[in-house]
Amino acid sequence: MTEKPDPAALSGIEQLRRAFHPDSPPVGIGQTMGFSLESVEEGRVVFVGTPGRAVYNPIGTVHGGYAATLLDSALGCAIHSTLAPGQAYSTAELKISYLRAMTEATGPVRAEGKALHVGRRIGFAEGRITDEAGRVYATASTTCVVFERT
């Protein structure tokens, strides 16, 4: 049996590629919310999902928390993908603007996150959710605190 390396010894992009490798078990929140990683490169991450009735709110549309979770994941992972071994991050602020409602008729959506700047202590990223026709449903920006793992 081969030993798994300590995640702290891997770069952020290596951690993400291992966590989302097709042979790895699904990662928690993606499994819960029904979305998965489409692509990851340094500073850019895309998650895809198809919202359905399981994530509806009482007014008959997809709950805003679905978009918030997709965007928080994409933006945070965009920053994560730039980290050096031994670094970690935590979201300090997430701002979301909802442009149009999603329903199960929306079909598959993509949440793309791009790191704008990641320094020694703070990282900034932005992103958006689009459907297959390119219509924008929500945009977001985040500020994350970058720190050394203990």
C-alpha atoms as a PDB file:
ATOM      1  CA  MET A   1       0.000   0.000   0.000  1.00  0.00           C
ATOM      2  CA  THR A   2       1.345   3.422  -0.915  1.00  0.00           C
ATOM      3  CA  GLU A   3       1.294   6.116   1.688  1.00  0.00           C
ATOM      4  CA  LYS A   4      -0.741   9.220   0.982  1.00  0.00           C
ATOM      5  CA  PRO A   5       1.336  12.396   1.276  1.00  0.00           C
ATOM      6  CA  ASP A   6       0.401  14.912   3.934  1.00  0.00           C
ATOM      7  CA  PRO A   7      -1.830  17.492   2.184  1.00  0.00           C
ATOM      8  CA  ALA A   8       0.229  20.255   3.806  1.00  0.00           C
ATOM      9  CA  ALA A   9       3.231  19.032   1.782  1.00  0.00           C
ATOM     10  CA  LEU A  10       1.366  19.564  -1.515  1.00  0.00           C
ATOM     11  CA  SER A  11       0.718  22.793  -3.381  1.00  0.00           C
ATOM     12  CA  GLY A  12      -2.858  24.016  -3.519  1.00  0.00           C
ATOM     13  CA  ILE A  13      -3.357  22.891  -7.101  1.00  0.00           C
ATOM     14  CA  GLU A  14      -1.951  19.436  -6.276  1.00  0.00           C
ATOM     15  CA  GLN A  15      -4.388  19.175  -3.345  1.00  0.00           C
ATOM     16  CA  LEU A  16      -7.327  20.090  -5.585  1.00  0.00           C
ATOM     17  CA  ARG A  17      -6.317  17.654  -8.314  1.00  0.00           C
ATOM     18  CA  ARG A  18      -6.092  14.852  -5.745  1.00  0.00           C
ATOM     19  CA  ALA A  19      -9.365  15.772  -4.025  1.00  0.00           C
ATOM     20  CA  PHE A  20     -11.284  15.918  -7.311  1.00  0.00           C
ATOM     21  CA  HIS A  21      -9.537  13.072  -9.159  1.00  0.00           C
ATOM     22  CA  PRO A  22     -12.084  10.753 -10.815  1.00  0.00           C
ATOM     23  CA  ASP A  23     -10.849   7.853  -8.652  1.00  0.00           C
ATOM     24  CA  SER A  24     -11.347   9.826  -5.427  1.00  0.00           C
ATOM     25  CA  PRO A  25     -14.611   9.670  -3.487  1.00  0.00           C
ATOM     26  CA  PRO A  26     -16.861  12.723  -4.003  1.00  0.00           C
ATOM     27  CA  VAL A  27     -15.955  15.759  -1.905  1.00  0.00           C
ATOM     28  CA  GLY A  28     -18.515  16.717   0.789  1.00  0.00           C
ATOM     29  CA  ILE A  29     -20.333  19.875  -0.297  1.00  0.00           C
ATOM     30  CA  GLY A  30     -20.278  18.998  -3.991  1.00  0.00           C
ATOM     31  CA  GLN A  31     -21.853  15.669  -3.241  1.00  0.00           C
ATOM     32  CA  THR A  32     -24.449  17.281  -0.969  1.00  0.00           C
ATOM     33  CA  MET A  33     -25.369  20.027  -3.457  1.00  0.00           C
ATOM     34  CA  GLY A  34     -24.952  17.983  -6.641  1.00  0.00           C
ATOM     35  CA  PHE A  35     -22.094  19.797  -8.352  1.00  0.00           C
ATOM     36  CA  SER A  36     -18.655  18.702  -9.494  1.00  0.00           C
ATOM     37  CA  LEU A  37     -15.330  20.073 -10.679  1.00  0.00           C
ATOM     38  CA  GLU A  38     -15.100  20.598 -14.433  1.00  0.00           C
ATOM     39  CA  SER A  39     -11.611  22.088 -14.584  1.00  0.00           C
ATOM     40  CA  VAL A  40      -8.813  23.416 -12.434  1.00  0.00           C
ATOM     41  CA  GLU A  41      -5.726  25.352 -13.415  1.00  0.00           C
ATOM     42  CA  GLU A  42      -3.610  27.761 -11.448  1.00  0.00           C
ATOM     43  CA  GLY A  43      -5.836  30.695 -10.541  1.00  0.00           C
ATOM     44  CA  ARG A  44      -8.989  29.390 -12.285  1.00  0.00           C
ATOM     45  CA  VAL A  45     -11.578  26.790 -11.276  1.00  0.00           C
ATOM     46  CA  VAL A  46     -14.909  25.768 -12.826  1.00  0.00           C
ATOM     47  CA  PHE A  47     -17.654  23.807 -11.065  1.00  0.00           C
ATOM     48  CA  VAL A  48     -20.756  22.509 -12.865  1.00  0.00           C
ATOM     49  CA  GLY A  49     -24.137  21.503 -11.544  1.00  0.00           C
ATOM     50  CA  THR A  50     -27.761  21.185 -12.539  1.00  0.00           C
ATOM     51  CA  PRO A  51     -30.093  22.765  -9.986  1.00  0.00           C
ATOM     52  CA  GLY A  52     -33.305  20.881  -9.334  1.00  0.00           C
ATOM     53  CA  ARG A  53     -36.236  20.858  -6.949  1.00  0.00           C
ATOM     54  CA  ALA A  54     -34.054  19.542  -4.110  1.00  0.00           C
ATOM     55  CA  VAL A  55     -32.519  23.047  -3.848  1.00  0.00           C
ATOM     56  CA  TYR A  56     -35.748  25.061  -4.284  1.00  0.00           C
ATOM     57  CA  ASN A  57     -36.976  27.679  -1.842  1.00  0.00           C
ATOM     58  CA  PRO A  58     -40.644  28.135  -0.848  1.00  0.00           C
ATOM     59  CA  ILE A  59     -41.299  30.614  -3.701  1.00  0.00           C
ATOM     60  CA  GLY A  60     -40.554  28.000  -6.357  1.00  0.00           C
ATOM     61  CA  THR A  61     -37.071  28.912  -7.554  1.00  0.00           C
ATOM     62  CA  VAL A  62     -33.572  27.695  -6.742  1.00  0.00           C
ATOM     63  CA  HIS A  63     -32.519  28.931  -3.300  1.00  0.00           C
ATOM     64  CA  GLY A  64     -29.869  31.668  -3.367  1.00  0.00           C
ATOM     65  CA  GLY A  65     -27.734  29.453  -1.147  1.00  0.00           C
ATOM     66  CA  TYR A  66     -27.161  27.122  -4.099  1.00  0.00           C
ATOM     67  CA  ALA A  67     -25.573  29.940  -6.122  1.00  0.00           C
ATOM     68  CA  ALA A  68     -23.687  31.163  -3.051  1.00  0.00           C
ATOM     69  CA  THR A  69     -22.263  27.711  -2.389  1.00  0.00           C
ATOM     70  CA  LEU A  70     -21.229  27.208  -6.020  1.00  0.00           C
ATOM     71  CA  LEU A  71     -19.553  30.613  -6.139  1.00  0.00           C
ATOM     72  CA  ASP A  72     -17.891  30.282  -2.725  1.00  0.00           C
ATOM     73  CA  SER A  73     -16.469  26.944  -3.868  1.00  0.00           C
ATOM     74  CA  ALA A  74     -15.245  28.253  -7.232  1.00  0.00           C
ATOM     75  CA  LEU A  75     -13.722  31.450  -5.847  1.00  0.00           C
ATOM     76  CA  GLY A  76     -12.141  29.781  -2.816  1.00  0.00           C
ATOM     77  CA  CYS A  77     -10.696  26.974  -4.921  1.00  0.00           C
ATOM     78  CA  ALA A  78      -9.334  29.508  -7.440  1.00  0.00           C
ATOM     79  CA  ILE A  79      -7.331  31.018  -4.582  1.00  0.00           C
ATOM     80  CA  HIS A  80      -6.514  27.541  -3.206  1.00  0.00           C
ATOM     81  CA  SER A  81      -5.042  26.593  -6.595  1.00  0.00           C
ATOM     82  CA  THR A  82      -2.339  29.272  -6.205  1.00  0.00           C
ATOM     83  CA  LEU A  83      -1.135  28.318  -2.731  1.00  0.00           C
ATOM     84  CA  ALA A  84       2.314  26.947  -1.959  1.00  0.00           C
ATOM     85  CA  PRO A  85       2.818  23.844   0.177  1.00  0.00           C
ATOM     86  CA  GLY A  86       2.112  24.645   3.821  1.00  0.00           C
ATOM     87  CA  GLN A  87      -0.338  27.453   3.057  1.00  0.00           C
ATOM     88  CA  ALA A  88      -4.085  27.475   3.664  1.00  0.00           C
ATOM     89  CA  TYR A  89      -6.888  30.021   3.357  1.00  0.00           C
ATOM     90  CA  SER A  90     -10.234  30.965   4.817  1.00  0.00           C
ATOM     91  CA  THR A  91     -12.999  33.109   3.361  1.00  0.00           C
ATOM     92  CA  ALA A  92     -13.188  36.485   5.107  1.00  0.00           C
ATOM     93  CA  GLU A  93     -15.851  38.038   2.871  1.00  0.00           C
ATOM     94  CA  LEU A  94     -18.149  36.849   0.087  1.00  0.00           C
ATOM     95  CA  LYS A  95     -20.304  39.301  -1.886  1.00  0.00           C
ATOM     96  CA  ILE A  96     -22.925  37.973  -4.292  1.00  0.00           C
ATOM     97  CA  SER A  97     -25.144  39.758  -6.786  1.00  0.00           C
ATOM     98  CA  TYR A  98     -28.120  37.769  -8.090  1.00  0.00           C
ATOM     99  CA  LEU A  99     -29.060  38.788 -11.633  1.00  0.00           C
ATOM    100  CA  ARG A 100     -31.814  36.293 -12.467  1.00  0.00           C
ATOM    101  CA  ALA A 101     -33.565  33.368 -10.810  1.00  0.00           C
ATOM    102  CA  MET A 102     -32.665  29.766 -11.542  1.00  0.00           C
ATOM    103  CA  THR A 103     -35.179  26.935 -11.808  1.00  0.00           C
ATOM    104  CA  GLU A 104     -34.902  23.309 -12.809  1.00  0.00           C
ATOM    105  CA  ALA A 105     -35.618  24.506 -16.384  1.00  0.00           C
ATOM    106  CA  THR A 106     -32.340  26.479 -16.308  1.00  0.00           C
ATOM    107  CA  GLY A 107     -30.419  23.267 -16.917  1.00  0.00           C
ATOM    108  CA  PRO A 108     -26.697  22.880 -16.277  1.00  0.00           C
ATOM    109  CA  VAL A 109     -24.826  25.879 -14.903  1.00  0.00           C
ATOM    110  CA  ARG A 110     -21.117  26.689 -14.613  1.00  0.00           C
ATOM    111  CA  ALA A 111     -19.541  28.570 -11.736  1.00  0.00           C
ATOM    112  CA  GLU A 112     -16.184  29.966 -12.812  1.00  0.00           C
ATOM    113  CA  GLY A 113     -13.819  31.478 -10.277  1.00  0.00           C
ATOM    114  CA  LYS A 114     -10.677  33.448 -11.108  1.00  0.00           C
ATOM    115  CA  ALA A 115      -8.022  34.585  -8.661  1.00  0.00           C
ATOM    116  CA  LEU A 116      -7.270  38.254  -9.200  1.00  0.00           C
ATOM    117  CA  HIS A 117      -4.413  38.548  -6.712  1.00  0.00           C
ATOM    118  CA  VAL A 118      -3.051  36.250  -4.034  1.00  0.00           C
ATOM    119  CA  GLY A 119      -0.444  37.686  -1.725  1.00  0.00           C
ATOM    120  CA  ARG A 120       1.200  36.402   1.450  1.00  0.00           C
ATOM    121  CA  ARG A 121      -1.794  37.316   3.647  1.00  0.00           C
ATOM    122  CA  ILE A 122      -4.804  38.173   1.446  1.00  0.00           C
ATOM    123  CA  GLY A 123      -6.308  36.758  -1.742  1.00  0.00           C
ATOM    124  CA  PHE A 124      -8.978  38.232  -4.006  1.00  0.00           C
ATOM    125  CA  ALA A 125     -11.109  36.385  -6.560  1.00  0.00           C
ATOM    126  CA  GLU A 126     -14.188  36.972  -8.668  1.00  0.00           C
ATOM    127  CA  GLY A 127     -16.563  34.757 -10.558  1.00  0.00           C
ATOM    128  CA  ARG A 128     -19.935  34.168 -12.102  1.00  0.00           C
ATOM    129  CA  ILE A 129     -22.549  31.540 -12.777  1.00  0.00           C
ATOM    130  CA  THR A 130     -23.691  31.080 -16.380  1.00  0.00           C
ATOM    131  CA  ASP A 131     -25.998  28.688 -18.184  1.00  0.00           C
ATOM    132  CA  GLU A 132     -25.260  26.822 -21.423  1.00  0.00           C
ATOM    133  CA  ALA A 133     -26.322  29.872 -23.489  1.00  0.00           C
ATOM    134  CA  GLY A 134     -23.920  32.138 -21.571  1.00  0.00           C
ATOM    135  CA  ARG A 135     -26.611  34.003 -19.596  1.00  0.00           C
ATOM    136  CA  VAL A 136     -25.283  35.251 -16.264  1.00  0.00           C
ATOM    137  CA  TYR A 137     -27.303  34.295 -13.157  1.00  0.00           C
ATOM    138  CA  ALA A 138     -25.040  35.573 -10.375  1.00  0.00           C
ATOM    139  CA  THR A 139     -21.669  37.210  -9.868  1.00  0.00           C
ATOM    140  CA  ALA A 140     -19.461  37.255  -6.799  1.00  0.00           C
ATOM    141  CA  SER A 141     -16.240  38.494  -5.320  1.00  0.00           C
ATOM    142  CA  THR A 142     -14.343  37.224  -2.314  1.00  0.00           C
ATOM    143  CA  THR A 143     -11.567  38.205   0.025  1.00  0.00           C
ATOM    144  CA  CYS A 144      -9.707  35.332   1.647  1.00  0.00           C
ATOM    145  CA  VAL A 145      -7.147  35.296   4.418  1.00  0.00           C
ATOM    146  CA  VAL A 146      -4.009  33.319   3.478  1.00  0.00           C
ATOM    147  CA  PHE A 147      -2.006  31.764   6.315  1.00  0.00           C
ATOM    148  CA  GLU A 148       0.549  29.095   7.162  1.00  0.00           C
ATOM    149  CA  ARG A 149      -0.869  25.763   8.287  1.00  0.00           C
ATOM    150  CA  THR A 150      -0.074  24.866  11.860  1.00  0.00           C
END
